[in-house]
N, C-alpha and C. Protein backbone atom coordinates (compact mmCIF):
# COMPACT_ATOMS: atom_id res chain seq x y z
N UNK A 1 -100.61 -76.35 22.23
CA UNK A 1 -99.61 -75.73 20.89
C UNK A 1 -99.62 -74.64 20.95
N UNK A 2 -98.75 -74.42 20.27
CA UNK A 2 -97.99 -72.24 19.89
C UNK A 2 -99.19 -71.88 19.37
N UNK A 3 -99.03 -70.47 19.89
CA UNK A 3 -99.53 -69.73 19.24
C UNK A 3 -99.08 -69.91 17.50
N UNK A 4 -97.63 -69.50 17.15
CA UNK A 4 -97.34 -69.01 16.17
C UNK A 4 -96.32 -70.90 15.72
N UNK A 5 -97.05 -70.60 14.53
CA UNK A 5 -96.00 -72.07 13.84
C UNK A 5 -95.66 -72.04 12.65
N UNK A 6 -94.33 -72.63 12.70
CA UNK A 6 -93.78 -71.95 10.74
C UNK A 6 -93.10 -73.48 9.64
N UNK A 7 -93.88 -73.47 8.61
CA UNK A 7 -93.22 -74.50 7.52
C UNK A 7 -92.14 -73.19 6.59
N UNK A 8 -91.97 -74.44 6.32
CA UNK A 8 -91.19 -74.04 5.22
C UNK A 8 -91.14 -74.45 4.21
N UNK A 9 -91.06 -73.61 2.83
CA UNK A 9 -91.59 -73.47 2.07
C UNK A 9 -90.51 -73.42 0.69
N UNK A 10 -90.59 -74.29 0.35
CA UNK A 10 -89.07 -73.82 -1.13
C UNK A 10 -87.66 -72.87 -0.14
N UNK A 11 -87.65 -73.31 1.29
CA UNK A 11 -86.81 -72.31 1.59
C UNK A 11 -86.74 -71.25 2.46
N UNK A 12 -88.58 -71.30 2.19
CA UNK A 12 -88.54 -70.19 2.85
C UNK A 12 -89.60 -70.14 4.44
N UNK A 13 -89.05 -69.57 5.20
CA UNK A 13 -90.26 -69.86 6.85
C UNK A 13 -91.02 -69.38 6.44
N UNK A 14 -92.69 -69.96 6.48
CA UNK A 14 -93.83 -69.17 6.69
C UNK A 14 -94.39 -69.05 7.92
N UNK A 15 -94.57 -68.01 8.73
CA UNK A 15 -95.64 -68.11 9.53
C UNK A 15 -97.23 -68.79 9.09
N UNK A 16 -97.67 -69.50 10.00
CA UNK A 16 -99.32 -69.76 10.44
C UNK A 16 -99.38 -69.14 12.15
N UNK A 17 -100.46 -68.23 11.98
CA UNK A 17 -101.12 -67.97 13.55
C UNK A 17 -102.18 -68.49 13.74
N UNK A 18 -102.80 -68.75 14.78
CA UNK A 18 -104.02 -69.45 15.14
C UNK A 18 -104.99 -67.45 15.80
N UNK A 19 -105.68 -67.31 15.06
CA UNK A 19 -106.67 -66.31 15.48
C UNK A 19 -108.66 -66.73 14.84
N UNK A 20 -109.22 -66.22 16.20
CA UNK A 20 -110.58 -66.73 16.29
C UNK A 20 -110.59 -68.35 15.66
N UNK A 21 -109.98 -68.84 15.72
CA UNK A 21 -109.60 -70.12 16.15
C UNK A 21 -109.44 -70.38 14.85
N UNK A 22 -109.39 -70.11 13.43
CA UNK A 22 -108.74 -70.94 12.60
C UNK A 22 -107.31 -70.04 12.33
N UNK A 23 -106.90 -70.59 10.91
CA UNK A 23 -105.45 -70.04 10.62
C UNK A 23 -105.18 -68.66 10.09
N UNK A 24 -104.37 -67.98 9.77
CA UNK A 24 -104.27 -67.12 9.35
C UNK A 24 -102.30 -67.62 9.04
N UNK A 25 -101.73 -67.24 7.61
CA UNK A 25 -100.92 -67.07 7.13
C UNK A 25 -100.36 -66.21 6.81
N UNK A 26 -99.27 -65.85 6.50
CA UNK A 26 -98.15 -64.39 6.60
C UNK A 26 -97.80 -64.44 5.03
N UNK A 27 -98.37 -62.86 4.49
CA UNK A 27 -98.50 -63.58 3.13
C UNK A 27 -97.34 -62.81 2.83
N UNK A 28 -96.59 -62.33 4.69
CA UNK A 28 -95.63 -61.10 3.41
C UNK A 28 -94.44 -62.47 3.86
N UNK A 29 -94.22 -62.94 4.31
CA UNK A 29 -93.42 -63.73 3.94
C UNK A 29 -93.69 -64.66 3.10
N UNK A 30 -94.86 -65.15 2.43
CA UNK A 30 -94.73 -65.86 1.29
C UNK A 30 -94.28 -65.40 0.49
N UNK A 31 -94.65 -63.81 0.47
CA UNK A 31 -94.20 -62.84 -1.00
C UNK A 31 -92.58 -62.74 -0.91
N UNK A 32 -91.54 -63.04 -0.26
CA UNK A 32 -90.21 -62.92 -0.80
C UNK A 32 -90.10 -64.13 -1.76
N UNK A 33 -91.00 -64.61 -1.75
CA UNK A 33 -91.21 -66.19 -3.24
C UNK A 33 -91.41 -66.05 -4.18
N UNK A 34 -92.30 -64.01 -4.64
CA UNK A 34 -92.01 -63.99 -5.62
C UNK A 34 -90.93 -62.77 -6.24
N UNK A 35 -90.00 -62.37 -5.43
CA UNK A 35 -89.54 -61.13 -6.33
C UNK A 35 -88.45 -61.50 -4.50
N UNK A 36 -87.02 -61.56 -4.70
CA UNK A 36 -86.19 -60.94 -3.85
C UNK A 36 -85.30 -59.52 -3.40
N UNK A 37 -85.93 -59.23 -4.95
CA UNK A 37 -85.67 -57.81 -5.30
C UNK A 37 -86.25 -56.87 -4.67
N UNK A 38 -87.64 -57.45 -4.67
CA UNK A 38 -88.73 -56.61 -4.28
C UNK A 38 -89.03 -56.46 -2.64
N UNK A 39 -88.99 -55.16 -2.04
CA UNK A 39 -90.34 -55.39 -0.68
C UNK A 39 -91.49 -56.58 -0.15
N UNK A 40 -91.44 -56.94 0.44
CA UNK A 40 -92.76 -57.55 0.52
C UNK A 40 -93.96 -57.45 0.66
N UNK A 41 -93.71 -55.63 1.65
CA UNK A 41 -95.07 -55.05 1.59
C UNK A 41 -96.09 -54.47 -0.20
N UNK A 42 -94.75 -54.17 -0.93
CA UNK A 42 -94.55 -53.82 -2.58
C UNK A 42 -95.55 -55.04 -3.06
N UNK A 43 -94.89 -56.16 -2.59
CA UNK A 43 -95.47 -57.94 -3.63
C UNK A 43 -96.84 -57.63 -3.07
N UNK A 44 -97.42 -57.24 -1.93
CA UNK A 44 -98.37 -57.15 -1.03
C UNK A 44 -99.45 -56.08 -2.04
N UNK A 45 -98.88 -55.01 -1.28
CA UNK A 45 -99.73 -53.99 -2.40
C UNK A 45 -100.34 -54.52 -3.70
N UNK A 46 -99.25 -54.90 -4.32
CA UNK A 46 -98.96 -54.98 -6.44
C UNK A 46 -100.86 -55.94 -6.30
N UNK A 47 -100.45 -57.23 -5.56
CA UNK A 47 -101.51 -58.37 -5.17
C UNK A 47 -102.75 -57.37 -4.74
N UNK A 48 -102.96 -57.18 -3.79
CA UNK A 48 -104.33 -55.94 -3.32
C UNK A 48 -104.79 -55.36 -4.95
N UNK A 49 -103.96 -54.44 -5.64
CA UNK A 49 -104.29 -53.77 -7.11
C UNK A 49 -105.31 -54.21 -7.81
N UNK A 50 -104.95 -55.49 -7.85
CA UNK A 50 -105.86 -56.64 -8.80
C UNK A 50 -106.88 -56.38 -8.96
N UNK A 51 -108.00 -56.21 -10.03
CA UNK A 51 -109.71 -56.77 -10.08
C UNK A 51 -109.70 -57.63 -9.69
N UNK A 52 -109.18 -59.05 -10.57
CA UNK A 52 -109.47 -60.18 -9.93
C UNK A 52 -109.53 -60.63 -8.06
N UNK A 53 -108.42 -60.02 -7.67
CA UNK A 53 -107.95 -60.50 -6.05
C UNK A 53 -109.36 -59.20 -5.31
N UNK A 54 -109.64 -58.39 -5.41
CA UNK A 54 -110.30 -57.54 -4.86
C UNK A 54 -111.62 -58.23 -5.12
N UNK A 55 -112.68 -59.19 -6.32
CA UNK A 55 -113.28 -59.18 -6.40
C UNK A 55 -113.26 -61.05 -5.40
N UNK A 56 -112.13 -61.11 -5.69
CA UNK A 56 -111.66 -62.37 -4.60
C UNK A 56 -112.29 -62.31 -2.84
N UNK A 57 -112.03 -61.61 -2.39
CA UNK A 57 -111.74 -61.21 -1.38
C UNK A 57 -113.21 -60.06 -0.50
N UNK A 58 -113.74 -59.70 -1.46
CA UNK A 58 -114.88 -59.77 -1.71
C UNK A 58 -115.64 -60.65 -1.24
N UNK A 59 -115.86 -61.23 -2.49
CA UNK A 59 -117.05 -62.75 -2.34
C UNK A 59 -116.48 -63.36 -0.66
N UNK A 60 -115.63 -63.69 -0.97
CA UNK A 60 -114.75 -64.81 0.60
C UNK A 60 -115.09 -63.44 2.19
N UNK A 61 -115.18 -62.32 2.10
CA UNK A 61 -115.69 -61.79 3.05
C UNK A 61 -117.18 -62.05 3.08
N UNK A 62 -118.35 -61.39 1.69
CA UNK A 62 -119.32 -61.60 1.52
C UNK A 62 -119.91 -63.32 2.02
N UNK A 63 -119.53 -64.28 2.20
CA UNK A 63 -119.63 -65.67 2.71
C UNK A 63 -119.48 -65.84 4.64
N UNK A 64 -118.33 -64.82 4.40
CA UNK A 64 -117.97 -65.15 6.35
C UNK A 64 -117.47 -64.28 6.96
N UNK A 65 -118.30 -63.06 6.67
CA UNK A 65 -118.06 -61.86 7.44
C UNK A 65 -119.93 -60.87 7.53
N UNK A 66 -120.68 -61.04 8.00
CA UNK A 66 -121.65 -60.21 8.39
C UNK A 66 -121.63 -59.20 8.19
N UNK A 67 -121.08 -58.51 8.94
CA UNK A 67 -120.17 -56.82 9.07
C UNK A 67 -119.91 -56.63 7.81
N UNK A 68 -119.69 -57.08 7.04
CA UNK A 68 -119.39 -56.17 5.48
C UNK A 68 -119.76 -56.18 5.52
N UNK A 69 -119.00 -54.17 4.49
CA UNK A 69 -119.02 -52.91 4.18
C UNK A 69 -118.96 -53.55 2.48
N UNK A 70 -120.20 -54.46 1.70
CA UNK A 70 -119.85 -54.87 0.31
C UNK A 70 -119.52 -52.87 -0.47
N UNK A 71 -120.44 -52.47 -0.11
CA UNK A 71 -120.65 -50.88 -0.59
C UNK A 71 -119.26 -49.89 -0.96
N UNK A 72 -118.46 -50.66 0.51
CA UNK A 72 -116.49 -49.67 0.71
C UNK A 72 -116.57 -50.54 -0.49
N UNK A 73 -116.38 -51.98 -0.72
CA UNK A 73 -115.69 -52.57 -1.41
C UNK A 73 -115.11 -52.56 -2.88
N UNK A 74 -116.86 -51.96 -3.25
CA UNK A 74 -117.20 -51.85 -4.97
C UNK A 74 -116.25 -50.03 -4.95
N UNK A 75 -115.88 -49.60 -4.28
CA UNK A 75 -115.25 -48.37 -4.25
C UNK A 75 -113.84 -48.97 -5.01
N UNK A 76 -113.65 -49.86 -3.67
CA UNK A 76 -112.28 -50.54 -4.02
C UNK A 76 -112.00 -51.29 -5.88
N UNK A 77 -112.94 -51.85 -6.96
CA UNK A 77 -113.20 -52.39 -7.38
C UNK A 77 -113.15 -51.78 -8.72
N UNK A 78 -113.75 -50.21 -7.97
CA UNK A 78 -113.67 -49.40 -9.59
C UNK A 78 -111.98 -48.82 -9.75
N UNK A 79 -111.80 -48.96 -8.80
CA UNK A 79 -109.91 -47.87 -9.26
C UNK A 79 -109.40 -48.92 -9.48
N UNK A 80 -109.52 -49.79 -9.28
CA UNK A 80 -108.44 -51.43 -9.28
C UNK A 80 -107.06 -51.52 -11.33
N UNK A 81 -106.21 -51.48 -10.94
CA UNK A 81 -105.53 -51.27 -11.83
C UNK A 81 -104.99 -50.03 -12.48
N UNK A 82 -106.08 -48.85 -11.89
CA UNK A 82 -105.59 -47.23 -12.22
C UNK A 82 -104.06 -47.44 -11.46
N UNK A 83 -103.08 -46.54 -12.29
CA UNK A 83 -101.38 -45.87 -12.08
C UNK A 83 -101.90 -45.60 -10.36
N UNK A 84 -102.65 -44.69 -10.56
CA UNK A 84 -102.64 -44.06 -9.03
C UNK A 84 -102.94 -44.58 -7.87
N UNK A 85 -103.81 -46.02 -8.04
CA UNK A 85 -104.57 -46.79 -7.22
C UNK A 85 -103.08 -47.73 -6.77
N UNK A 86 -103.48 -47.83 -4.93
CA UNK A 86 -101.95 -48.54 -4.17
C UNK A 86 -102.24 -48.43 -2.58
N UNK A 87 -103.59 -49.69 -3.32
CA UNK A 87 -104.42 -49.24 -1.57
C UNK A 87 -103.18 -50.53 -0.11
N UNK A 88 -103.72 -49.93 0.36
CA UNK A 88 -103.16 -50.84 1.27
C UNK A 88 -103.92 -52.05 2.67
N UNK A 89 -103.38 -52.84 3.03
CA UNK A 89 -104.33 -53.90 3.79
C UNK A 89 -104.74 -53.31 4.93
N UNK A 90 -104.64 -52.31 5.83
CA UNK A 90 -104.77 -51.64 6.68
C UNK A 90 -106.05 -51.11 5.93
N UNK A 91 -106.06 -49.96 5.07
CA UNK A 91 -106.51 -49.32 4.08
C UNK A 91 -108.33 -49.65 3.89
N UNK A 92 -107.83 -51.12 3.82
CA UNK A 92 -109.41 -52.35 3.20
C UNK A 92 -109.85 -52.73 4.41
N UNK A 93 -109.09 -52.89 5.34
CA UNK A 93 -109.55 -54.00 6.58
C UNK A 93 -110.71 -52.60 6.85
N UNK A 94 -109.73 -51.53 7.07
CA UNK A 94 -110.32 -50.29 7.91
C UNK A 94 -111.62 -50.08 7.28
N UNK A 95 -111.68 -49.56 5.77
CA UNK A 95 -112.85 -49.27 5.52
C UNK A 95 -113.74 -50.61 4.78
N UNK A 96 -114.08 -52.12 4.60
CA UNK A 96 -114.67 -52.33 3.85
C UNK A 96 -114.80 -53.44 5.81
N UNK A 97 -114.67 -53.49 7.11
CA UNK A 97 -114.53 -54.03 8.13
C UNK A 97 -114.61 -55.28 7.74
N UNK A 98 -113.45 -55.70 6.96
CA UNK A 98 -112.98 -57.45 6.48
C UNK A 98 -112.61 -58.07 7.78
N UNK A 99 -112.66 -59.58 7.97
CA UNK A 99 -111.52 -60.08 8.34
C UNK A 99 -111.04 -61.13 7.84
N UNK A 100 -110.32 -60.93 6.46
CA UNK A 100 -110.31 -62.12 6.28
C UNK A 100 -108.26 -61.74 6.11
N UNK A 101 -108.20 -60.78 6.54
CA UNK A 101 -106.96 -59.93 6.22
C UNK A 101 -106.06 -59.67 7.40
N UNK A 102 -105.95 -59.60 8.50
CA UNK A 102 -105.21 -58.14 9.14
C UNK A 102 -103.50 -57.79 9.25
N UNK A 103 -103.22 -56.81 9.98
CA UNK A 103 -101.67 -56.88 9.25
C UNK A 103 -101.33 -56.71 11.64
N UNK A 104 -99.93 -57.29 11.31
CA UNK A 104 -99.68 -57.55 13.17
C UNK A 104 -98.33 -56.78 12.74
N UNK A 105 -98.31 -55.43 13.60
CA UNK A 105 -97.06 -54.87 13.05
C UNK A 105 -96.21 -55.66 14.39
N UNK A 106 -95.02 -54.78 14.69
CA UNK A 106 -93.60 -55.15 15.47
C UNK A 106 -92.76 -56.45 14.79
N UNK A 107 -91.65 -56.29 15.51
CA UNK A 107 -90.90 -57.45 15.18
C UNK A 107 -91.12 -58.93 14.86
N UNK A 108 -92.15 -59.76 14.93
CA UNK A 108 -92.53 -60.85 14.46
C UNK A 108 -93.67 -60.01 13.21
N UNK A 109 -94.01 -58.93 13.03
CA UNK A 109 -95.47 -58.24 12.18
C UNK A 109 -95.69 -59.04 11.29
N UNK A 110 -96.23 -58.45 10.29
CA UNK A 110 -96.67 -59.31 8.48
C UNK A 110 -97.80 -59.12 8.40
N UNK A 111 -98.27 -59.33 7.52
CA UNK A 111 -100.02 -59.30 7.12
C UNK A 111 -100.61 -60.40 6.75
N UNK A 112 -101.22 -61.32 7.65
CA UNK A 112 -101.74 -62.31 8.05
C UNK A 112 -103.25 -62.49 7.07
N UNK A 113 -103.22 -63.54 6.29
CA UNK A 113 -104.01 -63.94 5.71
C UNK A 113 -104.88 -65.20 5.99
N UNK A 114 -106.27 -65.56 6.67
CA UNK A 114 -107.13 -66.69 6.10
C UNK A 114 -106.81 -67.69 4.95
N UNK A 115 -106.58 -68.65 5.64
CA UNK A 115 -105.73 -69.35 5.10
C UNK A 115 -105.90 -69.87 3.37
N UNK A 116 -107.81 -69.77 3.50
CA UNK A 116 -107.92 -69.80 1.98
C UNK A 116 -107.94 -68.38 1.31
N UNK A 117 -107.69 -67.28 1.57
CA UNK A 117 -107.52 -66.34 0.81
C UNK A 117 -105.51 -66.99 0.71
N UNK A 118 -104.68 -66.46 1.49
CA UNK A 118 -103.54 -66.85 1.76
C UNK A 118 -103.43 -67.80 1.14
N UNK A 119 -103.98 -69.46 0.57
CA UNK A 119 -103.73 -70.04 -0.87
C UNK A 119 -103.85 -69.30 -2.06
N UNK A 120 -105.06 -68.26 -2.05
CA UNK A 120 -104.68 -67.91 -3.35
C UNK A 120 -103.63 -66.94 -3.40
N UNK A 121 -102.71 -66.69 -2.56
CA UNK A 121 -101.92 -65.28 -2.77
C UNK A 121 -101.21 -66.09 -3.31
N UNK A 122 -101.29 -67.58 -2.84
CA UNK A 122 -99.92 -68.33 -3.59
C UNK A 122 -99.56 -69.08 -4.88
N UNK A 123 -101.10 -68.95 -5.20
CA UNK A 123 -100.96 -68.66 -6.40
C UNK A 123 -101.10 -67.97 -7.84
N UNK A 124 -101.00 -66.62 -6.86
CA UNK A 124 -101.32 -65.21 -7.95
C UNK A 124 -99.10 -64.98 -8.06
N UNK A 125 -98.07 -65.20 -6.87
CA UNK A 125 -96.73 -66.08 -6.71
C UNK A 125 -97.11 -66.54 -7.69
N UNK A 126 -97.04 -68.15 -7.71
CA UNK A 126 -96.92 -69.17 -8.79
C UNK A 126 -98.04 -70.35 -8.87
N UNK A 127 -98.19 -71.27 -9.86
CA UNK A 127 -99.28 -72.36 -9.60
C UNK A 127 -97.60 -73.40 -8.30
N UNK A 128 -96.96 -73.66 -8.98
CA UNK A 128 -96.06 -74.77 -7.76
C UNK A 128 -95.93 -73.98 -6.82
N UNK A 129 -95.34 -72.73 -6.40
CA UNK A 129 -95.82 -72.50 -5.22
C UNK A 129 -97.07 -72.46 -4.21
N UNK A 130 -98.33 -72.42 -4.56
CA UNK A 130 -99.47 -72.27 -4.03
C UNK A 130 -99.18 -74.22 -3.25
N UNK A 131 -99.22 -75.30 -4.79
CA UNK A 131 -98.60 -76.71 -4.51
C UNK A 131 -97.77 -77.07 -2.45
N UNK A 132 -96.91 -76.26 -2.68
CA UNK A 132 -95.90 -76.92 -1.76
C UNK A 132 -96.45 -75.31 -0.60
N UNK A 133 -96.96 -74.89 -1.16
CA UNK A 133 -98.08 -73.99 0.08
C UNK A 133 -98.61 -75.33 0.51
N UNK A 134 -99.98 -75.57 0.03
CA UNK A 134 -101.52 -76.21 0.33
C UNK A 134 -100.45 -77.83 1.11
N UNK A 135 -99.25 -78.57 -0.11
CA UNK A 135 -98.50 -79.69 0.79
C UNK A 135 -97.59 -79.59 2.29
N UNK A 136 -97.49 -78.47 2.68
CA UNK A 136 -96.52 -77.91 3.68
C UNK A 136 -97.81 -77.88 4.71
N UNK A 137 -99.40 -77.18 4.32
CA UNK A 137 -99.87 -76.60 5.69
C UNK A 137 -100.25 -77.80 5.86
N UNK A 138 -101.24 -79.19 4.60
CA UNK A 138 -101.62 -80.11 5.23
C UNK A 138 -99.99 -80.97 5.97
N UNK A 139 -99.47 -80.98 6.01
CA UNK A 139 -98.51 -81.88 6.93
C UNK A 139 -98.83 -81.45 7.62
N UNK A 140 -98.57 -80.04 8.44
CA UNK A 140 -98.39 -79.58 9.74
C UNK A 140 -100.21 -80.35 10.78
N UNK A 141 -100.59 -79.37 9.70
CA UNK A 141 -101.85 -80.14 10.60
C UNK A 141 -102.08 -81.78 10.65
N UNK A 142 -101.38 -82.69 9.68
CA UNK A 142 -101.15 -84.11 9.63
C UNK A 142 -100.78 -84.02 11.29
N UNK A 143 -99.87 -83.39 11.43
CA UNK A 143 -98.30 -83.98 12.37
C UNK A 143 -99.49 -83.42 13.78
N UNK A 144 -100.12 -82.45 13.75
CA UNK A 144 -100.74 -81.31 15.08
C UNK A 144 -102.17 -82.39 15.37
N UNK A 145 -102.69 -83.26 14.21
CA UNK A 145 -103.34 -84.30 14.33
C UNK A 145 -103.41 -85.74 15.88
N UNK A 146 -102.15 -86.19 14.92
CA UNK A 146 -101.51 -86.75 15.47
C UNK A 146 -101.01 -87.04 16.92
N UNK A 147 -100.59 -85.58 17.00
CA UNK A 147 -100.26 -85.11 18.59
C UNK A 147 -101.38 -85.05 19.30
N UNK A 148 -102.39 -84.98 18.72
CA UNK A 148 -103.76 -84.63 19.97
C UNK A 148 -103.84 -85.84 19.58
N UNK A 149 -103.94 -86.68 18.96
CA UNK A 149 -105.22 -87.84 18.75
C UNK A 149 -103.48 -88.76 20.04
N UNK A 150 -102.33 -88.82 20.35
CA UNK A 150 -101.20 -89.48 20.88
C UNK A 150 -101.91 -89.15 22.34
N UNK A 151 -102.04 -87.98 22.57
CA UNK A 151 -102.76 -87.40 23.76
C UNK A 151 -103.84 -88.11 24.31
N UNK A 152 -104.68 -88.21 23.77
CA UNK A 152 -106.10 -88.42 23.87
C UNK A 152 -105.94 -90.34 24.60
N UNK A 153 -105.42 -90.60 23.08
CA UNK A 153 -105.14 -92.28 23.57
C UNK A 153 -104.03 -92.26 24.97
N UNK A 154 -103.52 -91.50 25.33
CA UNK A 154 -102.71 -92.13 26.52
C UNK A 154 -103.09 -92.24 27.74
N UNK A 155 -104.29 -90.64 28.04
CA UNK A 155 -105.08 -90.61 28.73
C UNK A 155 -105.79 -91.33 28.53
N UNK A 156 -107.02 -91.93 27.57
CA UNK A 156 -107.70 -92.79 27.72
C UNK A 156 -106.76 -94.08 28.65
N UNK A 157 -105.65 -94.35 27.80
CA UNK A 157 -105.04 -95.72 29.13
C UNK A 157 -105.11 -95.94 30.37
N UNK A 158 -105.07 -95.16 30.59
CA UNK A 158 -103.52 -94.11 31.45
C UNK A 158 -105.19 -94.63 32.51
N UNK A 159 -106.34 -94.11 32.55
CA UNK A 159 -107.63 -94.18 32.93
C UNK A 159 -108.28 -95.23 32.54
N UNK A 160 -107.63 -96.69 31.35
CA UNK A 160 -107.93 -98.15 31.96
C UNK A 160 -107.51 -98.54 32.99
N UNK A 161 -106.08 -98.08 33.48
CA UNK A 161 -105.35 -99.16 33.62
C UNK A 161 -105.39 -98.37 34.78
N UNK A 162 -105.94 -97.48 35.78
CA UNK A 162 -107.07 -97.36 37.04
C UNK A 162 -107.64 -97.61 37.47
N UNK A 163 -108.48 -97.93 36.53
CA UNK A 163 -109.86 -98.09 37.01
C UNK A 163 -109.79 -99.40 37.57
N UNK A 164 -108.91 -99.85 37.08
CA UNK A 164 -108.39 -101.89 37.65
C UNK A 164 -107.94 -101.41 38.87
């Protein structure tokens, strides 16, 4: 199975990477659906400025990350909404020890979010966009499951034939 896969949502290619045995979706790719005139990094940064976003991220981290620094996340929440508050994903990850987001630098880089967080980001863009992202993601997972099942059945049949 390839390490990175791509789904196409409303004519926007979105990269899905596998990390730590789970899927992480590129929210930088998704950000282009919000505005064609804004830089994708600015869209992600504006999403991260929102108090509701920070509360969601902190709750997700508290559930899935035993190393998460709750006290540090409170610092972010206190500043949410201020005009001078412009956090970056890198800053959030470094100061809180978050695992739900990561930044990949380079040619095929971007900001990747665990699928739960990516779906939340998609709903911030629009409810319609979120539904299309979920639908295409489920379609991809179904295709992958069928592919694995076919491979397993083929091996089973070959073993059965060779056994006789």
